[in-house]
Every structure is written in structure tokens, then in C-alpha cells.
Amino acid sequence: MYRNSRYDSVRSGSGPMTAFGLKKMIDKFEESGSFHVKCGRGRKAITSTSMEDVATALQEASSSALGTSSARGISRTLNMPVSTVRKILRNILQCYPFKITNIQELVAADLPKRKAYALQFLARM
């Protein structure tokens, strides 16, 4: 088997436990009661006020003249990161970009217009 001399000095940790390592393990067990790895710092929780702010901004943007809203626009108005706004929209408010909105709703009154457009499109082909 080929050995790389560059990695000979790197300690693999598979040797016998030292007295210092054993003492650290005992101290950790006495402190926590288990040998599990402690969880890290974690992520900051999204506050309820920011959720409410995003929800109201979404309602205001949807009721505007265009009737559209975007995560970037909401993040600009609220001075909040776009990633946070997207997390709130997707995970909490269940708003996805592919959902049908009121503007995209298919209404029976639009049927003749859509049929005329489809026939016009076919005639061009």
C-alpha cells in the first residue's frame, strides 16, 4: 500500500487516549450528563413582528394598481434581507410564485377572448 509522507505527521486520533483527553471526557459528562455533541449556535428565530410586517406589506402590494408583489420589493420597503422575506413567504405564509393569484384567475367571461386569440394564433401558423 502506498503511503504519502506528507500525511505522516498528521495525527489521526486513533491512538490510545491520553490522560488529558480522559479528563476532558469526564468533565463533559459531569457537566451535561451525556457524551453527545453539543448543538451549535443555531439560527436566529424569525420574530413575529417581522412576520406581521411582511404579511401587511404583501397585502398592500397585492392591492396596488398592478396587483403584483415581489420578495425583493417587500425587502426594500421593510429594509430586511431578501432571504428572510422569502423564508417568511414560503414557510409561514405559504405563498409560492407558482400559485394562481386573482389576476391569473380564469373567468368564464374571458372565454370568447381566449378562443379568438387561440384561433388567431393558429391562423398565423
N, C-alpha and C. Protein backbone atom coordinates (compact mmCIF):
# COMPACT_ATOMS: atom_id res chain seq x y z
N MET A 1 0.84 -1.17 0.00
CA MET A 1 0.00 0.00 0.00
C MET A 1 0.89 1.24 0.00
N TYR A 2 0.53 2.24 -0.77
CA TYR A 2 1.31 3.45 -0.92
C TYR A 2 1.02 4.41 0.24
N ARG A 3 2.05 4.97 0.84
CA ARG A 3 1.90 5.94 1.93
C ARG A 3 2.44 7.27 1.46
N ASN A 4 1.73 8.30 1.81
CA ASN A 4 2.19 9.63 1.46
C ASN A 4 2.93 10.21 2.66
N SER A 5 4.17 10.58 2.46
CA SER A 5 4.99 11.06 3.58
C SER A 5 4.50 12.41 4.09
N ARG A 6 3.74 13.13 3.29
CA ARG A 6 3.23 14.42 3.72
C ARG A 6 2.23 14.26 4.86
N TYR A 7 1.50 13.15 4.90
CA TYR A 7 0.47 12.94 5.91
C TYR A 7 0.96 12.12 7.11
N ASP A 8 2.24 11.80 7.17
CA ASP A 8 2.75 11.01 8.29
C ASP A 8 2.69 11.79 9.60
N SER A 9 2.86 13.11 9.51
CA SER A 9 2.89 13.90 10.74
C SER A 9 1.48 14.25 11.24
N VAL A 10 0.47 14.02 10.43
CA VAL A 10 -0.89 14.34 10.83
C VAL A 10 -1.40 13.26 11.76
N ARG A 11 -1.90 13.66 12.92
CA ARG A 11 -2.39 12.70 13.89
C ARG A 11 -3.81 12.29 13.53
N SER A 12 -4.07 11.02 13.51
CA SER A 12 -5.38 10.54 13.09
C SER A 12 -6.35 10.41 14.25
N GLY A 13 -5.88 10.44 15.48
CA GLY A 13 -6.77 10.31 16.62
C GLY A 13 -7.14 8.88 16.95
N SER A 14 -6.52 7.93 16.29
CA SER A 14 -6.87 6.54 16.54
C SER A 14 -5.94 5.88 17.56
N GLY A 15 -5.03 6.65 18.13
CA GLY A 15 -4.11 6.10 19.12
C GLY A 15 -4.77 5.99 20.49
N PRO A 16 -4.00 5.60 21.49
CA PRO A 16 -4.57 5.46 22.84
C PRO A 16 -4.95 6.82 23.41
N MET A 17 -5.96 6.82 24.28
CA MET A 17 -6.44 8.06 24.88
C MET A 17 -5.44 8.55 25.91
N THR A 18 -5.22 9.85 25.90
CA THR A 18 -4.30 10.44 26.86
C THR A 18 -5.04 10.76 28.15
N ALA A 19 -4.29 11.07 29.19
CA ALA A 19 -4.91 11.41 30.48
C ALA A 19 -5.71 12.71 30.35
N PHE A 20 -5.20 13.65 29.57
CA PHE A 20 -5.91 14.91 29.38
C PHE A 20 -7.23 14.69 28.64
N GLY A 21 -7.21 13.83 27.62
CA GLY A 21 -8.44 13.52 26.88
C GLY A 21 -9.47 12.84 27.76
N LEU A 22 -9.02 11.93 28.63
CA LEU A 22 -9.93 11.25 29.55
C LEU A 22 -10.54 12.24 30.53
N LYS A 23 -9.72 13.16 31.04
CA LYS A 23 -10.23 14.17 31.99
C LYS A 23 -11.26 15.07 31.32
N LYS A 24 -11.00 15.47 30.06
CA LYS A 24 -11.97 16.29 29.33
C LYS A 24 -13.28 15.55 29.15
N MET A 25 -13.20 14.25 28.86
CA MET A 25 -14.41 13.45 28.65
C MET A 25 -15.21 13.34 29.95
N ILE A 26 -14.54 13.15 31.06
CA ILE A 26 -15.22 13.05 32.36
C ILE A 26 -15.87 14.38 32.72
N ASP A 27 -15.14 15.49 32.51
CA ASP A 27 -15.70 16.81 32.80
C ASP A 27 -16.94 17.09 31.96
N LYS A 28 -16.89 16.71 30.70
CA LYS A 28 -18.02 16.92 29.81
C LYS A 28 -19.23 16.11 30.26
N PHE A 29 -18.98 14.87 30.69
CA PHE A 29 -20.08 14.02 31.15
C PHE A 29 -20.69 14.57 32.44
N GLU A 30 -19.84 15.05 33.36
CA GLU A 30 -20.36 15.61 34.61
C GLU A 30 -21.16 16.89 34.36
N GLU A 31 -20.75 17.65 33.37
CA GLU A 31 -21.43 18.91 33.08
C GLU A 31 -22.79 18.68 32.42
N SER A 32 -22.82 17.83 31.40
CA SER A 32 -24.05 17.68 30.62
C SER A 32 -24.82 16.40 30.92
N GLY A 33 -24.19 15.40 31.48
CA GLY A 33 -24.87 14.14 31.76
C GLY A 33 -24.89 13.18 30.58
N SER A 34 -24.26 13.55 29.48
CA SER A 34 -24.21 12.66 28.32
C SER A 34 -22.93 12.93 27.53
N PHE A 35 -22.65 12.05 26.59
CA PHE A 35 -21.47 12.19 25.74
C PHE A 35 -21.82 12.76 24.37
N HIS A 36 -23.06 13.21 24.20
CA HIS A 36 -23.49 13.74 22.90
C HIS A 36 -22.77 15.05 22.59
N VAL A 37 -22.67 15.34 21.31
CA VAL A 37 -22.06 16.58 20.86
C VAL A 37 -23.05 17.71 21.10
N LYS A 38 -22.58 18.81 21.67
CA LYS A 38 -23.46 19.94 21.93
C LYS A 38 -23.87 20.58 20.61
N CYS A 39 -25.09 21.07 20.57
CA CYS A 39 -25.54 21.74 19.37
C CYS A 39 -24.89 23.10 19.28
N GLY A 40 -24.77 23.59 18.08
CA GLY A 40 -24.09 24.86 17.85
C GLY A 40 -24.95 26.04 18.21
N ARG A 41 -24.57 27.16 17.68
CA ARG A 41 -25.25 28.40 17.98
C ARG A 41 -26.65 28.42 17.41
N GLY A 42 -26.84 27.77 16.29
CA GLY A 42 -28.15 27.73 15.67
C GLY A 42 -28.45 28.99 14.89
N ARG A 43 -29.67 29.07 14.41
CA ARG A 43 -30.09 30.24 13.64
C ARG A 43 -31.00 31.10 14.48
N LYS A 44 -30.99 32.38 14.17
CA LYS A 44 -31.88 33.29 14.87
C LYS A 44 -33.31 33.02 14.42
N ALA A 45 -34.22 33.01 15.37
CA ALA A 45 -35.62 32.79 15.04
C ALA A 45 -36.20 34.04 14.39
N ILE A 46 -37.15 33.84 13.50
CA ILE A 46 -37.82 34.96 12.85
C ILE A 46 -38.86 35.50 13.82
N THR A 47 -38.82 36.79 14.08
CA THR A 47 -39.72 37.37 15.06
C THR A 47 -41.13 37.49 14.49
N SER A 48 -42.10 37.51 15.40
CA SER A 48 -43.50 37.61 14.97
C SER A 48 -43.79 38.98 14.37
N THR A 49 -43.08 40.01 14.83
CA THR A 49 -43.32 41.34 14.26
C THR A 49 -42.88 41.40 12.80
N SER A 50 -41.76 40.74 12.48
CA SER A 50 -41.32 40.74 11.09
C SER A 50 -42.28 39.93 10.22
N MET A 51 -42.87 38.87 10.78
CA MET A 51 -43.87 38.10 10.03
C MET A 51 -45.09 38.97 9.73
N GLU A 52 -45.54 39.72 10.74
CA GLU A 52 -46.70 40.60 10.55
C GLU A 52 -46.38 41.71 9.56
N ASP A 53 -45.17 42.25 9.63
CA ASP A 53 -44.77 43.31 8.70
C ASP A 53 -44.78 42.81 7.26
N VAL A 54 -44.26 41.60 7.05
CA VAL A 54 -44.24 41.03 5.70
C VAL A 54 -45.66 40.76 5.22
N ALA A 55 -46.52 40.26 6.11
CA ALA A 55 -47.90 39.97 5.72
C ALA A 55 -48.64 41.25 5.32
N THR A 56 -48.46 42.32 6.09
CA THR A 56 -49.13 43.58 5.75
C THR A 56 -48.56 44.19 4.47
N ALA A 57 -47.24 44.10 4.29
CA ALA A 57 -46.62 44.61 3.07
C ALA A 57 -47.10 43.82 1.85
N LEU A 58 -47.30 42.52 2.01
CA LEU A 58 -47.81 41.69 0.93
C LEU A 58 -49.23 42.09 0.57
N GLN A 59 -50.06 42.34 1.58
CA GLN A 59 -51.44 42.77 1.32
C GLN A 59 -51.47 44.12 0.61
N GLU A 60 -50.63 45.05 1.06
CA GLU A 60 -50.58 46.38 0.44
C GLU A 60 -50.10 46.29 -1.00
N ALA A 61 -49.09 45.46 -1.25
CA ALA A 61 -48.56 45.33 -2.61
C ALA A 61 -49.57 44.64 -3.52
N SER A 62 -50.32 43.67 -2.98
CA SER A 62 -51.30 42.97 -3.80
C SER A 62 -52.50 43.85 -4.13
N SER A 63 -52.82 44.79 -3.25
CA SER A 63 -53.97 45.66 -3.50
C SER A 63 -53.58 46.91 -4.29
N SER A 64 -52.35 46.99 -4.75
CA SER A 64 -51.91 48.14 -5.55
C SER A 64 -52.51 48.06 -6.95
N ALA A 65 -52.21 49.04 -7.78
CA ALA A 65 -52.79 49.11 -9.12
C ALA A 65 -52.38 47.92 -9.97
N LEU A 66 -51.12 47.49 -9.85
CA LEU A 66 -50.66 46.35 -10.64
C LEU A 66 -51.13 45.02 -10.07
N GLY A 67 -51.31 44.96 -8.77
CA GLY A 67 -51.76 43.73 -8.14
C GLY A 67 -50.69 42.67 -8.00
N THR A 68 -49.44 43.06 -8.15
CA THR A 68 -48.34 42.11 -8.02
C THR A 68 -47.47 42.49 -6.84
N SER A 69 -46.74 41.52 -6.36
CA SER A 69 -45.80 41.76 -5.26
C SER A 69 -44.58 40.89 -5.48
N SER A 70 -43.46 41.33 -4.93
CA SER A 70 -42.23 40.56 -5.06
C SER A 70 -41.49 40.57 -3.74
N ALA A 71 -40.70 39.53 -3.52
CA ALA A 71 -39.92 39.44 -2.29
C ALA A 71 -38.88 40.55 -2.24
N ARG A 72 -38.31 40.88 -3.39
CA ARG A 72 -37.32 41.95 -3.42
C ARG A 72 -37.94 43.30 -3.07
N GLY A 73 -39.12 43.56 -3.61
CA GLY A 73 -39.79 44.82 -3.32
C GLY A 73 -40.16 44.94 -1.85
N ILE A 74 -40.66 43.85 -1.29
CA ILE A 74 -41.02 43.85 0.13
C ILE A 74 -39.78 44.03 0.98
N SER A 75 -38.68 43.38 0.61
CA SER A 75 -37.45 43.52 1.40
C SER A 75 -36.91 44.95 1.33
N ARG A 76 -37.08 45.61 0.18
CA ARG A 76 -36.64 47.00 0.08
C ARG A 76 -37.47 47.92 0.96
N THR A 77 -38.79 47.71 0.95
CA THR A 77 -39.65 48.59 1.75
C THR A 77 -39.46 48.37 3.24
N LEU A 78 -39.20 47.14 3.64
CA LEU A 78 -39.06 46.83 5.07
C LEU A 78 -37.61 46.89 5.55
N ASN A 79 -36.66 47.09 4.62
CA ASN A 79 -35.24 47.09 4.96
C ASN A 79 -34.85 45.79 5.67
N MET A 80 -35.20 44.69 5.03
CA MET A 80 -34.99 43.35 5.57
C MET A 80 -34.31 42.51 4.49
N PRO A 81 -33.49 41.52 4.85
CA PRO A 81 -32.85 40.69 3.82
C PRO A 81 -33.88 39.93 2.98
N VAL A 82 -33.57 39.77 1.70
CA VAL A 82 -34.48 39.08 0.78
C VAL A 82 -34.67 37.64 1.22
N SER A 83 -33.61 37.01 1.73
CA SER A 83 -33.72 35.61 2.16
C SER A 83 -34.72 35.45 3.30
N THR A 84 -34.74 36.42 4.22
CA THR A 84 -35.69 36.36 5.34
C THR A 84 -37.11 36.52 4.83
N VAL A 85 -37.31 37.45 3.90
CA VAL A 85 -38.65 37.66 3.34
C VAL A 85 -39.11 36.41 2.61
N ARG A 86 -38.22 35.79 1.85
CA ARG A 86 -38.59 34.56 1.13
C ARG A 86 -38.94 33.43 2.09
N LYS A 87 -38.17 33.30 3.19
CA LYS A 87 -38.48 32.27 4.18
C LYS A 87 -39.85 32.50 4.78
N ILE A 88 -40.16 33.75 5.11
CA ILE A 88 -41.47 34.06 5.70
C ILE A 88 -42.57 33.78 4.69
N LEU A 89 -42.38 34.20 3.44
CA LEU A 89 -43.41 34.00 2.42
C LEU A 89 -43.65 32.52 2.17
N ARG A 90 -42.59 31.74 2.05
CA ARG A 90 -42.76 30.33 1.72
C ARG A 90 -43.16 29.48 2.92
N ASN A 91 -42.41 29.58 4.01
CA ASN A 91 -42.60 28.65 5.12
C ASN A 91 -43.75 29.03 6.03
N ILE A 92 -44.01 30.31 6.22
CA ILE A 92 -45.01 30.72 7.20
C ILE A 92 -46.32 31.12 6.52
N LEU A 93 -46.23 31.96 5.49
CA LEU A 93 -47.44 32.43 4.82
C LEU A 93 -47.88 31.52 3.67
N GLN A 94 -47.08 30.52 3.33
CA GLN A 94 -47.35 29.58 2.24
C GLN A 94 -47.68 30.30 0.92
N CYS A 95 -46.87 31.29 0.57
CA CYS A 95 -47.01 32.00 -0.71
C CYS A 95 -45.88 31.55 -1.62
N TYR A 96 -46.23 30.94 -2.72
CA TYR A 96 -45.25 30.44 -3.67
C TYR A 96 -45.44 31.17 -4.99
N PRO A 97 -44.38 31.35 -5.77
CA PRO A 97 -44.52 32.09 -7.02
C PRO A 97 -45.38 31.39 -8.05
N PHE A 98 -45.61 30.10 -7.91
CA PHE A 98 -46.37 29.39 -8.93
C PHE A 98 -47.85 29.29 -8.60
N LYS A 99 -48.30 29.83 -7.47
CA LYS A 99 -49.72 29.76 -7.13
C LYS A 99 -50.50 30.75 -7.99
N ILE A 100 -51.73 30.40 -8.31
CA ILE A 100 -52.58 31.26 -9.12
C ILE A 100 -53.10 32.40 -8.25
N THR A 101 -52.92 33.62 -8.71
CA THR A 101 -53.44 34.78 -7.99
C THR A 101 -54.75 35.21 -8.62
N ASN A 102 -55.38 36.22 -8.04
CA ASN A 102 -56.65 36.71 -8.57
C ASN A 102 -56.52 37.25 -9.98
N ILE A 103 -55.36 37.79 -10.32
CA ILE A 103 -55.16 38.35 -11.66
C ILE A 103 -55.12 37.23 -12.70
N GLN A 104 -54.58 36.08 -12.34
CA GLN A 104 -54.43 34.98 -13.28
C GLN A 104 -55.65 34.06 -13.30
N GLU A 105 -56.66 34.39 -12.54
CA GLU A 105 -57.82 33.51 -12.43
C GLU A 105 -58.55 33.44 -13.76
N LEU A 106 -58.95 32.24 -14.16
CA LEU A 106 -59.69 32.04 -15.40
C LEU A 106 -61.17 32.28 -15.14
N VAL A 107 -61.73 33.27 -15.83
CA VAL A 107 -63.12 33.65 -15.64
C VAL A 107 -63.89 33.26 -16.89
N ALA A 108 -65.14 32.84 -16.70
CA ALA A 108 -65.96 32.40 -17.83
C ALA A 108 -66.22 33.54 -18.81
N ALA A 109 -66.23 34.78 -18.35
CA ALA A 109 -66.48 35.92 -19.24
C ALA A 109 -65.33 36.12 -20.23
N ASP A 110 -64.15 35.63 -19.91
CA ASP A 110 -62.99 35.78 -20.79
C ASP A 110 -62.90 34.69 -21.85
N LEU A 111 -63.81 33.73 -21.84
CA LEU A 111 -63.74 32.60 -22.76
C LEU A 111 -63.76 33.04 -24.23
N PRO A 112 -64.65 33.93 -24.66
CA PRO A 112 -64.63 34.33 -26.09
C PRO A 112 -63.32 35.01 -26.50
N LYS A 113 -62.75 35.82 -25.62
CA LYS A 113 -61.48 36.49 -25.93
C LYS A 113 -60.36 35.47 -26.09
N ARG A 114 -60.32 34.50 -25.18
CA ARG A 114 -59.27 33.49 -25.25
C ARG A 114 -59.42 32.62 -26.49
N LYS A 115 -60.68 32.30 -26.84
CA LYS A 115 -60.94 31.48 -28.01
C LYS A 115 -60.53 32.23 -29.28
N ALA A 116 -60.85 33.52 -29.35
CA ALA A 116 -60.48 34.33 -30.52
C ALA A 116 -58.97 34.42 -30.64
N TYR A 117 -58.29 34.59 -29.53
CA TYR A 117 -56.83 34.67 -29.55
C TYR A 117 -56.22 33.36 -30.02
N ALA A 118 -56.76 32.24 -29.54
CA ALA A 118 -56.23 30.93 -29.94
C ALA A 118 -56.44 30.70 -31.43
N LEU A 119 -57.61 31.07 -31.95
CA LEU A 119 -57.87 30.89 -33.38
C LEU A 119 -56.97 31.81 -34.22
N GLN A 120 -56.76 33.02 -33.73
CA GLN A 120 -55.87 33.95 -34.43
C GLN A 120 -54.44 33.42 -34.46
N PHE A 121 -54.01 32.84 -33.37
CA PHE A 121 -52.67 32.28 -33.28
C PHE A 121 -52.51 31.10 -34.23
N LEU A 122 -53.54 30.24 -34.28
CA LEU A 122 -53.48 29.09 -35.19
C LEU A 122 -53.49 29.53 -36.65
N ALA A 123 -54.20 30.61 -36.95
CA ALA A 123 -54.26 31.09 -38.33
C ALA A 123 -52.90 31.60 -38.80
N ARG A 124 -52.11 32.14 -37.89
CA ARG A 124 -50.79 32.65 -38.25
C ARG A 124 -49.82 31.52 -38.57
N MET A 125 -50.04 30.35 -38.04
CA MET A 125 -49.12 29.23 -38.25
C MET A 125 -49.29 28.67 -39.60
